[in-house]
Amino acid sequence: MGDGLKENVKETTESLSKLNERLAVIDAAQKNLTSLTSEVLTLKDVLSNKQTRGAFGQGRMEAIIRDALPPNSFEFQATLKNGKRPDCVIHLPNDPRPLIIDAKFPLESITAFREAKTDEEKKLAIARVRNDVSTHLKDIADKYIVPGETQEMAIMFVPSESIYADLHEYFEDIIQKAQRARIMITSPSLLMMAVQMLQVIVKDSRMREQAFLVQSEVGKILDDVNRLSDRVGKLATHFGQAQTDIQNITTSTDKITRRAEKIATMELDDPAAITDSSDDKIVNLLQRERRD
């Protein structure tokens, strides 16, 4: 009985130890949930304020643009010729007209639409959404689509995927109105895809510029090769002339050598017995050699 009690006590102690470990894990998870709830409430406070909400949307848009495009291909808060300052302008290759992105989306009406409980509240919220978004679309078209200065279309950035889904699900007429106004409504994921396409265009443009540069350099190298070929031809002509001169000199040298040998092998009489006839013989011999 004593051994059994000891065994039970041991098992109970081990179980309590494991239970304490699990309670510690649960306590840590509860702290994480509390922290997450605080962050969500903070985010709600941010989105409830118009200025902070605009900064939030601007920040998300800027993060997407900075991560995908080179620094010299975009500009934030640039001033157009009409004095307007869009949230972002993207400079396209081989086109002086920038693409405009607006990140100020009217969130209050969407929030009211989501929080509406009665049919009357929902009806009023729907009307408010249509009015606010339509007004915003008109502002973008009037301010940021400038013939000859900007692209013929603009982008309205919606900083939430769920809001973008609500627009397509409940406000198809708004989407069509935006398309007619040449304004593309994008969520964060769609803006990322659009920026990736722009990245491909920018990369292709740079490759074309490098290809033209390489082609120009190859043309210069070809000109240098042609000049080198002309100079080598002239040098070959000089070498050929020099070789001819050397052959002529060698021929003359051989003739002189043969004549000297003939003179050296002539049988001459005693110097005291040399007469004028001997001189005549030598002169005749030299003349004959010259003719040869």
C-alpha atoms as a PDB file:
ATOM      1  CA  MET A   1       0.000   0.000   0.000  1.00  0.00           C
ATOM      2  CA  GLY A   2       2.847   2.395   0.815  1.00  0.00           C
ATOM      3  CA  ASP A   3       4.524   1.689  -2.546  1.00  0.00           C
ATOM      4  CA  GLY A   4       1.232   2.289  -4.339  1.00  0.00           C
ATOM      5  CA  LEU A   5       0.755   5.604  -2.600  1.00  0.00           C
ATOM      6  CA  LYS A   6       4.274   6.670  -3.533  1.00  0.00           C
ATOM      7  CA  GLU A   7       3.634   5.748  -7.166  1.00  0.00           C
ATOM      8  CA  ASN A   8       0.367   7.719  -7.167  1.00  0.00           C
ATOM      9  CA  VAL A   9       2.069  10.731  -5.626  1.00  0.00           C
ATOM     10  CA  LYS A  10       4.825  10.544  -8.270  1.00  0.00           C
ATOM     11  CA  GLU A  11       2.316  10.364 -11.126  1.00  0.00           C
ATOM     12  CA  THR A  12       0.259  13.190  -9.630  1.00  0.00           C
ATOM     13  CA  THR A  13       3.385  15.368  -9.356  1.00  0.00           C
ATOM     14  CA  GLU A  14       4.319  14.716 -12.984  1.00  0.00           C
ATOM     15  CA  SER A  15       0.768  15.506 -14.119  1.00  0.00           C
ATOM     16  CA  LEU A  16       0.748  18.775 -12.157  1.00  0.00           C
ATOM     17  CA  SER A  17       4.128  19.707 -13.667  1.00  0.00           C
ATOM     18  CA  LYS A  18       2.839  19.124 -17.206  1.00  0.00           C
ATOM     19  CA  LEU A  19      -0.329  21.047 -16.355  1.00  0.00           C
ATOM     20  CA  ASN A  20       1.755  23.994 -15.153  1.00  0.00           C
ATOM     21  CA  GLU A  21       3.693  23.967 -18.426  1.00  0.00           C
ATOM     22  CA  ARG A  22       0.456  24.007 -20.427  1.00  0.00           C
ATOM     23  CA  LEU A  23      -0.917  26.815 -18.284  1.00  0.00           C
ATOM     24  CA  ALA A  24       2.250  28.799 -18.969  1.00  0.00           C
ATOM     25  CA  VAL A  25       1.765  28.315 -22.730  1.00  0.00           C
ATOM     26  CA  ILE A  26      -1.884  29.379 -22.466  1.00  0.00           C
ATOM     27  CA  ASP A  27      -0.872  32.442 -20.452  1.00  0.00           C
ATOM     28  CA  ALA A  28       1.657  33.441 -23.125  1.00  0.00           C
ATOM     29  CA  ALA A  29      -0.978  32.967 -25.850  1.00  0.00           C
ATOM     30  CA  GLN A  30      -3.413  35.110 -23.886  1.00  0.00           C
ATOM     31  CA  LYS A  31      -0.824  37.868 -23.659  1.00  0.00           C
ATOM     32  CA  ASN A  32      -0.286  37.672 -27.423  1.00  0.00           C
ATOM     33  CA  LEU A  33      -4.051  37.908 -27.989  1.00  0.00           C
ATOM     34  CA  THR A  34      -4.233  40.924 -25.712  1.00  0.00           C
ATOM     35  CA  SER A  35      -1.394  42.593 -27.613  1.00  0.00           C
ATOM     36  CA  LEU A  36      -3.031  41.773 -30.965  1.00  0.00           C
ATOM     37  CA  THR A  37      -6.351  43.180 -29.765  1.00  0.00           C
ATOM     38  CA  SER A  38      -4.599  46.375 -28.753  1.00  0.00           C
ATOM     39  CA  GLU A  39      -2.966  46.628 -32.171  1.00  0.00           C
ATOM     40  CA  VAL A  40      -6.284  46.054 -33.939  1.00  0.00           C
ATOM     41  CA  LEU A  41      -7.911  48.768 -31.846  1.00  0.00           C
ATOM     42  CA  THR A  42      -5.015  51.083 -32.660  1.00  0.00           C
ATOM     43  CA  LEU A  43      -5.433  50.350 -36.358  1.00  0.00           C
ATOM     44  CA  LYS A  44      -9.158  51.051 -36.048  1.00  0.00           C
ATOM     45  CA  ASP A  45      -8.363  54.392 -34.429  1.00  0.00           C
ATOM     46  CA  VAL A  46      -5.956  55.168 -37.265  1.00  0.00           C
ATOM     47  CA  LEU A  47      -8.510  54.329 -39.947  1.00  0.00           C
ATOM     48  CA  SER A  48     -11.241  56.308 -38.202  1.00  0.00           C
ATOM     49  CA  ASN A  49      -9.243  59.519 -38.613  1.00  0.00           C
ATOM     50  CA  LYS A  50      -9.230  60.950 -42.143  1.00  0.00           C
ATOM     51  CA  GLN A  51      -5.719  62.361 -42.056  1.00  0.00           C
ATOM     52  CA  THR A  52      -4.113  59.307 -40.437  1.00  0.00           C
ATOM     53  CA  ARG A  53      -6.080  57.049 -42.776  1.00  0.00           C
ATOM     54  CA  GLY A  54      -4.740  58.981 -45.757  1.00  0.00           C
ATOM     55  CA  ALA A  55      -1.228  58.610 -44.383  1.00  0.00           C
ATOM     56  CA  PHE A  56      -1.852  54.871 -43.915  1.00  0.00           C
ATOM     57  CA  GLY A  57      -2.955  54.428 -47.538  1.00  0.00           C
ATOM     58  CA  GLN A  58      -0.092  56.623 -48.729  1.00  0.00           C
ATOM     59  CA  GLY A  59       2.372  54.543 -46.724  1.00  0.00           C
ATOM     60  CA  ARG A  60       1.135  51.231 -48.150  1.00  0.00           C
ATOM     61  CA  MET A  61       1.249  52.589 -51.671  1.00  0.00           C
ATOM     62  CA  GLU A  62       4.748  54.023 -51.211  1.00  0.00           C
ATOM     63  CA  ALA A  63       6.032  50.727 -49.787  1.00  0.00           C
ATOM     64  CA  ILE A  64       4.763  48.821 -52.833  1.00  0.00           C
ATOM     65  CA  ILE A  65       6.252  51.330 -55.269  1.00  0.00           C
ATOM     66  CA  ARG A  66       9.631  51.525 -53.527  1.00  0.00           C
ATOM     67  CA  ASP A  67       9.996  47.747 -53.340  1.00  0.00           C
ATOM     68  CA  ALA A  68       9.419  47.195 -57.064  1.00  0.00           C
ATOM     69  CA  LEU A  69      10.673  50.195 -59.048  1.00  0.00           C
ATOM     70  CA  PRO A  70      14.071  51.913 -59.298  1.00  0.00           C
ATOM     71  CA  PRO A  71      14.299  55.284 -57.494  1.00  0.00           C
ATOM     72  CA  ASN A  72      14.561  57.361 -60.669  1.00  0.00           C
ATOM     73  CA  SER A  73      11.317  55.981 -62.136  1.00  0.00           C
ATOM     74  CA  PHE A  74       8.848  57.443 -59.590  1.00  0.00           C
ATOM     75  CA  GLU A  75       8.262  60.530 -57.459  1.00  0.00           C
ATOM     76  CA  PHE A  76       5.973  61.191 -54.485  1.00  0.00           C
ATOM     77  CA  GLN A  77       4.025  64.450 -54.026  1.00  0.00           C
ATOM     78  CA  ALA A  78       5.307  65.887 -57.302  1.00  0.00           C
ATOM     79  CA  THR A  79       3.760  69.129 -58.553  1.00  0.00           C
ATOM     80  CA  LEU A  80       2.063  69.147 -61.949  1.00  0.00           C
ATOM     81  CA  LYS A  81       1.872  72.181 -64.233  1.00  0.00           C
ATOM     82  CA  ASN A  82      -1.687  72.829 -63.045  1.00  0.00           C
ATOM     83  CA  GLY A  83      -0.418  73.119 -59.450  1.00  0.00           C
ATOM     84  CA  LYS A  84      -1.916  69.797 -58.278  1.00  0.00           C
ATOM     85  CA  ARG A  85       0.177  67.380 -56.242  1.00  0.00           C
ATOM     86  CA  PRO A  86      -0.735  63.708 -56.771  1.00  0.00           C
ATOM     87  CA  ASP A  87       0.345  61.090 -54.263  1.00  0.00           C
ATOM     88  CA  CYS A  88       2.665  59.396 -56.767  1.00  0.00           C
ATOM     89  CA  VAL A  89       3.820  59.836 -60.361  1.00  0.00           C
ATOM     90  CA  ILE A  90       5.510  57.025 -62.262  1.00  0.00           C
ATOM     91  CA  HIS A  91       7.810  57.993 -65.111  1.00  0.00           C
ATOM     92  CA  LEU A  92       7.427  55.623 -68.046  1.00  0.00           C
ATOM     93  CA  PRO A  93      10.338  54.913 -70.413  1.00  0.00           C
ATOM     94  CA  ASN A  94      10.366  56.792 -73.717  1.00  0.00           C
ATOM     95  CA  ASP A  95       7.289  58.797 -72.674  1.00  0.00           C
ATOM     96  CA  PRO A  96       7.439  62.179 -70.909  1.00  0.00           C
ATOM     97  CA  ARG A  97       3.866  61.800 -69.602  1.00  0.00           C
ATOM     98  CA  PRO A  98       3.797  60.252 -66.092  1.00  0.00           C
ATOM     99  CA  LEU A  99       1.234  57.798 -64.734  1.00  0.00           C
ATOM    100  CA  ILE A 100      -0.654  59.209 -61.722  1.00  0.00           C
ATOM    101  CA  ILE A 101      -1.591  57.202 -58.590  1.00  0.00           C
ATOM    102  CA  ASP A 102      -4.044  58.551 -56.015  1.00  0.00           C
ATOM    103  CA  ALA A 103      -4.157  56.943 -52.555  1.00  0.00           C
ATOM    104  CA  LYS A 104      -6.912  59.014 -50.877  1.00  0.00           C
ATOM    105  CA  PHE A 105      -9.927  56.703 -50.783  1.00  0.00           C
ATOM    106  CA  PRO A 106     -13.151  57.821 -48.992  1.00  0.00           C
ATOM    107  CA  LEU A 107     -13.453  55.125 -46.332  1.00  0.00           C
ATOM    108  CA  GLU A 108     -16.171  56.643 -44.129  1.00  0.00           C
ATOM    109  CA  SER A 109     -19.048  55.703 -46.435  1.00  0.00           C
ATOM    110  CA  ILE A 110     -17.760  52.129 -46.835  1.00  0.00           C
ATOM    111  CA  THR A 111     -17.494  51.827 -43.052  1.00  0.00           C
ATOM    112  CA  ALA A 112     -21.052  53.094 -42.663  1.00  0.00           C
ATOM    113  CA  PHE A 113     -22.215  50.597 -45.285  1.00  0.00           C
ATOM    114  CA  ARG A 114     -20.615  47.725 -43.410  1.00  0.00           C
ATOM    115  CA  GLU A 115     -21.959  48.810 -40.044  1.00  0.00           C
ATOM    116  CA  ALA A 116     -25.531  49.428 -41.287  1.00  0.00           C
ATOM    117  CA  LYS A 117     -28.029  47.192 -39.476  1.00  0.00           C
ATOM    118  CA  THR A 118     -31.422  48.216 -40.814  1.00  0.00           C
ATOM    119  CA  ASP A 119     -32.535  48.398 -44.427  1.00  0.00           C
ATOM    120  CA  GLU A 120     -32.915  52.160 -44.164  1.00  0.00           C
ATOM    121  CA  GLU A 121     -29.356  52.577 -42.842  1.00  0.00           C
ATOM    122  CA  LYS A 122     -28.024  50.319 -45.581  1.00  0.00           C
ATOM    123  CA  LYS A 123     -29.895  52.263 -48.245  1.00  0.00           C
ATOM    124  CA  LEU A 124     -28.493  55.555 -47.013  1.00  0.00           C
ATOM    125  CA  ALA A 125     -25.012  54.076 -46.766  1.00  0.00           C
ATOM    126  CA  ILE A 126     -25.174  52.754 -50.344  1.00  0.00           C
ATOM    127  CA  ALA A 127     -26.194  56.181 -51.612  1.00  0.00           C
ATOM    128  CA  ARG A 128     -23.364  57.759 -49.652  1.00  0.00           C
ATOM    129  CA  VAL A 129     -20.809  55.296 -51.069  1.00  0.00           C
ATOM    130  CA  ARG A 130     -21.938  56.015 -54.626  1.00  0.00           C
ATOM    131  CA  ASN A 131     -21.815  59.769 -54.054  1.00  0.00           C
ATOM    132  CA  ASP A 132     -18.423  59.831 -52.277  1.00  0.00           C
ATOM    133  CA  VAL A 133     -16.637  57.469 -54.669  1.00  0.00           C
ATOM    134  CA  SER A 134     -18.159  59.170 -57.730  1.00  0.00           C
ATOM    135  CA  THR A 135     -17.011  62.558 -56.442  1.00  0.00           C
ATOM    136  CA  HIS A 136     -13.538  61.181 -55.814  1.00  0.00           C
ATOM    137  CA  LEU A 137     -13.376  59.691 -59.306  1.00  0.00           C
ATOM    138  CA  LYS A 138     -14.353  63.047 -60.797  1.00  0.00           C
ATOM    139  CA  ASP A 139     -11.666  64.805 -58.758  1.00  0.00           C
ATOM    140  CA  ILE A 140      -9.018  62.386 -59.994  1.00  0.00           C
ATOM    141  CA  ALA A 141     -10.128  62.800 -63.614  1.00  0.00           C
ATOM    142  CA  ASP A 142     -10.175  66.603 -63.378  1.00  0.00           C
ATOM    143  CA  LYS A 143      -6.929  67.028 -61.459  1.00  0.00           C
ATOM    144  CA  TYR A 144      -4.653  64.231 -62.614  1.00  0.00           C
ATOM    145  CA  ILE A 145      -5.656  63.353 -66.188  1.00  0.00           C
ATOM    146  CA  VAL A 146      -4.231  66.311 -68.078  1.00  0.00           C
ATOM    147  CA  PRO A 147      -4.096  65.964 -71.892  1.00  0.00           C
ATOM    148  CA  GLY A 148      -0.531  66.221 -73.147  1.00  0.00           C
ATOM    149  CA  GLU A 149       0.989  66.268 -69.649  1.00  0.00           C
ATOM    150  CA  THR A 150      -0.070  62.994 -67.994  1.00  0.00           C
ATOM    151  CA  GLN A 151      -1.165  59.595 -69.185  1.00  0.00           C
ATOM    152  CA  GLU A 152      -4.723  59.251 -70.436  1.00  0.00           C
ATOM    153  CA  MET A 153      -5.545  57.042 -67.447  1.00  0.00           C
ATOM    154  CA  ALA A 154      -4.911  57.159 -63.697  1.00  0.00           C
ATOM    155  CA  ILE A 155      -4.900  54.715 -60.779  1.00  0.00           C
ATOM    156  CA  MET A 156      -7.064  54.979 -57.646  1.00  0.00           C
ATOM    157  CA  PHE A 157      -5.440  52.948 -54.866  1.00  0.00           C
ATOM    158  CA  VAL A 158      -7.705  51.221 -52.328  1.00  0.00           C
ATOM    159  CA  PRO A 159      -5.593  50.246 -49.283  1.00  0.00           C
ATOM    160  CA  SER A 160      -7.729  47.192 -48.373  1.00  0.00           C
ATOM    161  CA  GLU A 161      -8.492  43.989 -50.257  1.00  0.00           C
ATOM    162  CA  SER A 162     -11.849  43.637 -48.508  1.00  0.00           C
ATOM    163  CA  ILE A 163     -12.965  47.147 -49.517  1.00  0.00           C
ATOM    164  CA  TYR A 164     -11.946  46.415 -53.087  1.00  0.00           C
ATOM    165  CA  ALA A 165     -14.015  43.198 -52.957  1.00  0.00           C
ATOM    166  CA  ASP A 166     -17.036  45.096 -51.568  1.00  0.00           C
ATOM    167  CA  LEU A 167     -16.846  47.599 -54.420  1.00  0.00           C
ATOM    168  CA  HIS A 168     -16.890  44.835 -57.021  1.00  0.00           C
ATOM    169  CA  GLU A 169     -19.597  42.874 -55.232  1.00  0.00           C
ATOM    170  CA  TYR A 170     -22.072  45.630 -54.342  1.00  0.00           C
ATOM    171  CA  PHE A 171     -21.127  48.623 -56.516  1.00  0.00           C
ATOM    172  CA  GLU A 172     -20.610  47.363 -60.047  1.00  0.00           C
ATOM    173  CA  ASP A 173     -21.910  50.693 -61.378  1.00  0.00           C
ATOM    174  CA  ILE A 174     -19.037  52.484 -59.613  1.00  0.00           C
ATOM    175  CA  ILE A 175     -16.504  50.162 -61.270  1.00  0.00           C
ATOM    176  CA  GLN A 176     -18.033  50.836 -64.681  1.00  0.00           C
ATOM    177  CA  LYS A 177     -18.047  54.590 -64.032  1.00  0.00           C
ATOM    178  CA  ALA A 178     -14.350  54.418 -63.145  1.00  0.00           C
ATOM    179  CA  GLN A 179     -13.612  52.526 -66.364  1.00  0.00           C
ATOM    180  CA  ARG A 180     -15.465  55.130 -68.429  1.00  0.00           C
ATOM    181  CA  ALA A 181     -13.464  57.863 -66.688  1.00  0.00           C
ATOM    182  CA  ARG A 182     -10.227  55.932 -67.546  1.00  0.00           C
ATOM    183  CA  ILE A 183      -9.446  55.362 -63.860  1.00  0.00           C
ATOM    184  CA  MET A 184      -8.269  51.944 -62.719  1.00  0.00           C
ATOM    185  CA  ILE A 185      -9.240  50.981 -59.162  1.00  0.00           C
ATOM    186  CA  THR A 186      -6.570  48.772 -57.602  1.00  0.00           C
ATOM    187  CA  SER A 187      -6.116  46.933 -54.333  1.00  0.00           C
ATOM    188  CA  PRO A 188      -2.638  46.362 -52.818  1.00  0.00           C
ATOM    189  CA  SER A 189      -2.230  43.052 -54.656  1.00  0.00           C
ATOM    190  CA  LEU A 190      -3.383  44.508 -57.991  1.00  0.00           C
ATOM    191  CA  LEU A 191      -1.132  47.531 -57.583  1.00  0.00           C
ATOM    192  CA  MET A 192       1.752  45.167 -56.928  1.00  0.00           C
ATOM    193  CA  MET A 193       0.942  43.274 -60.141  1.00  0.00           C
ATOM    194  CA  ALA A 194       0.669  46.531 -62.111  1.00  0.00           C
ATOM    195  CA  VAL A 195       3.985  47.731 -60.724  1.00  0.00           C
ATOM    196  CA  GLN A 196       5.607  44.414 -61.653  1.00  0.00           C
ATOM    197  CA  MET A 197       4.401  44.915 -65.224  1.00  0.00           C
ATOM    198  CA  LEU A 198       5.890  48.403 -65.165  1.00  0.00           C
ATOM    199  CA  GLN A 199       9.098  46.895 -63.816  1.00  0.00           C
ATOM    200  CA  VAL A 200       9.232  44.567 -66.837  1.00  0.00           C
ATOM    201  CA  ILE A 201       8.669  47.542 -69.154  1.00  0.00           C
ATOM    202  CA  VAL A 202      11.424  49.556 -67.451  1.00  0.00           C
ATOM    203  CA  LYS A 203      13.803  46.583 -67.587  1.00  0.00           C
ATOM    204  CA  ASP A 204      13.021  45.985 -71.266  1.00  0.00           C
ATOM    205  CA  SER A 205      13.626  49.668 -72.010  1.00  0.00           C
ATOM    206  CA  ARG A 206      16.988  49.560 -70.249  1.00  0.00           C
ATOM    207  CA  MET A 207      17.937  46.422 -72.173  1.00  0.00           C
ATOM    208  CA  ARG A 208      17.021  48.174 -75.420  1.00  0.00           C
ATOM    209  CA  GLU A 209      19.120  51.175 -74.439  1.00  0.00           C
ATOM    210  CA  GLN A 210      22.044  48.887 -73.664  1.00  0.00           C
ATOM    211  CA  ALA A 211      21.493  47.043 -76.959  1.00  0.00           C
ATOM    212  CA  PHE A 212      21.612  50.344 -78.864  1.00  0.00           C
ATOM    213  CA  LEU A 213      24.768  51.273 -76.957  1.00  0.00           C
ATOM    214  CA  VAL A 214      26.365  47.919 -77.806  1.00  0.00           C
ATOM    215  CA  GLN A 215      25.327  48.327 -81.449  1.00  0.00           C
ATOM    216  CA  SER A 216      26.885  51.791 -81.536  1.00  0.00           C
ATOM    217  CA  GLU A 217      30.115  50.501 -80.007  1.00  0.00           C
ATOM    218  CA  VAL A 218      30.227  47.618 -82.506  1.00  0.00           C
ATOM    219  CA  GLY A 219      29.846  50.164 -85.332  1.00  0.00           C
ATOM    220  CA  LYS A 220      32.787  52.130 -83.951  1.00  0.00           C
ATOM    221  CA  ILE A 221      34.851  48.945 -83.693  1.00  0.00           C
ATOM    222  CA  LEU A 222      33.976  48.129 -87.332  1.00  0.00           C
ATOM    223  CA  ASP A 223      35.186  51.580 -88.390  1.00  0.00           C
ATOM    224  CA  ASP A 224      38.442  50.998 -86.497  1.00  0.00           C
ATOM    225  CA  VAL A 225      38.865  47.600 -88.192  1.00  0.00           C
ATOM    226  CA  ASN A 226      38.318  49.182 -91.632  1.00  0.00           C
ATOM    227  CA  ARG A 227      40.930  51.847 -90.882  1.00  0.00           C
ATOM    228  CA  LEU A 228      43.315  49.175 -89.640  1.00  0.00           C
ATOM    229  CA  SER A 229      42.742  47.167 -92.827  1.00  0.00           C
ATOM    230  CA  ASP A 230      43.569  50.229 -94.974  1.00  0.00           C
ATOM    231  CA  ARG A 231      46.734  50.898 -92.997  1.00  0.00           C
ATOM    232  CA  VAL A 232      47.818  47.262 -93.199  1.00  0.00           C
ATOM    233  CA  GLY A 233      47.273  47.402 -96.986  1.00  0.00           C
ATOM    234  CA  LYS A 234      49.440  50.501 -97.222  1.00  0.00           C
ATOM    235  CA  LEU A 235      52.073  48.845 -95.059  1.00  0.00           C
ATOM    236  CA  ALA A 236      51.981  45.743 -97.280  1.00  0.00           C
ATOM    237  CA  THR A 237      52.519  48.007-100.300  1.00  0.00           C
ATOM    238  CA  HIS A 238      55.526  49.580 -98.599  1.00  0.00           C
ATOM    239  CA  PHE A 239      56.899  46.154 -97.713  1.00  0.00           C
ATOM    240  CA  GLY A 240      56.388  45.006-101.319  1.00  0.00           C
ATOM    241  CA  GLN A 241      58.233  48.067-102.637  1.00  0.00           C
ATOM    242  CA  ALA A 242      60.984  47.512-100.092  1.00  0.00           C
ATOM    243  CA  GLN A 243      61.278  43.869-101.161  1.00  0.00           C
ATOM    244  CA  THR A 244      61.550  44.939-104.831  1.00  0.00           C
ATOM    245  CA  ASP A 245      64.240  47.457-103.925  1.00  0.00           C
ATOM    246  CA  ILE A 246      66.103  44.802-101.960  1.00  0.00           C
ATOM    247  CA  GLN A 247      65.927  42.410-104.921  1.00  0.00           C
ATOM    248  CA  ASN A 248      67.245  45.134-107.238  1.00  0.00           C
ATOM    249  CA  ILE A 249      70.064  45.894-104.795  1.00  0.00           C
ATOM    250  CA  THR A 250      70.887  42.174-104.572  1.00  0.00           C
ATOM    251  CA  THR A 251      70.966  41.921-108.397  1.00  0.00           C
ATOM    252  CA  SER A 252      73.303  44.896-108.636  1.00  0.00           C
ATOM    253  CA  THR A 253      75.500  43.463-105.911  1.00  0.00           C
ATOM    254  CA  ASP A 254      75.700  40.112-107.737  1.00  0.00           C
ATOM    255  CA  LYS A 255      76.703  41.821-110.979  1.00  0.00           C
ATOM    256  CA  ILE A 256      79.397  43.842-109.245  1.00  0.00           C
ATOM    257  CA  THR A 257      80.680  40.693-107.566  1.00  0.00           C
ATOM    258  CA  ARG A 258      80.847  38.766-110.858  1.00  0.00           C
ATOM    259  CA  ARG A 259      82.658  41.592-112.573  1.00  0.00           C
ATOM    260  CA  ALA A 260      85.164  41.859-109.754  1.00  0.00           C
ATOM    261  CA  GLU A 261      85.778  38.113-109.914  1.00  0.00           C
ATOM    262  CA  LYS A 262      86.392  38.260-113.678  1.00  0.00           C
ATOM    263  CA  ILE A 263      88.812  41.100-113.226  1.00  0.00           C
ATOM    264  CA  ALA A 264      90.523  39.235-110.411  1.00  0.00           C
ATOM    265  CA  THR A 265      90.976  36.090-112.563  1.00  0.00           C
ATOM    266  CA  MET A 266      92.407  37.906-115.582  1.00  0.00           C
ATOM    267  CA  GLU A 267      95.940  36.796-116.620  1.00  0.00           C
ATOM    268  CA  LEU A 268      98.047  39.905-116.639  1.00  0.00           C
ATOM    269  CA  ASP A 269     101.633  40.221-117.863  1.00  0.00           C
ATOM    270  CA  ASP A 270     104.491  41.604-115.874  1.00  0.00           C
ATOM    271  CA  PRO A 271     103.711  45.165-114.818  1.00  0.00           C
ATOM    272  CA  ALA A 272     106.755  46.403-116.594  1.00  0.00           C
ATOM    273  CA  ALA A 273     105.584  44.767-119.802  1.00  0.00           C
ATOM    274  CA  ILE A 274     102.005  46.152-119.737  1.00  0.00           C
ATOM    275  CA  THR A 275     101.355  48.070-122.892  1.00  0.00           C
ATOM    276  CA  ASP A 276      98.583  50.224-124.196  1.00  0.00           C
ATOM    277  CA  SER A 277      97.117  47.209-125.912  1.00  0.00           C
ATOM    278  CA  SER A 278      96.656  45.612-122.478  1.00  0.00           C
ATOM    279  CA  ASP A 279      94.770  48.654-121.324  1.00  0.00           C
ATOM    280  CA  ASP A 280      92.585  48.430-124.368  1.00  0.00           C
ATOM    281  CA  LYS A 281      91.808  44.826-123.565  1.00  0.00           C
ATOM    282  CA  ILE A 282      90.731  45.716-120.038  1.00  0.00           C
ATOM    283  CA  VAL A 283      88.515  48.550-121.262  1.00  0.00           C
ATOM    284  CA  ASN A 284      86.907  46.295-123.835  1.00  0.00           C
ATOM    285  CA  LEU A 285      86.289  43.659-121.162  1.00  0.00           C
ATOM    286  CA  LEU A 286      84.649  46.136-118.818  1.00  0.00           C
ATOM    287  CA  GLN A 287      82.422  47.466-121.591  1.00  0.00           C
ATOM    288  CA  ARG A 288      81.318  43.942-122.441  1.00  0.00           C
ATOM    289  CA  GLU A 289      80.516  43.230-118.810  1.00  0.00           C
ATOM    290  CA  ARG A 290      78.483  46.415-118.614  1.00  0.00           C
ATOM    291  CA  ARG A 291      76.440  45.345-121.611  1.00  0.00           C
ATOM    292  CA  ASP A 292      75.856  41.963-119.994  1.00  0.00           C
END
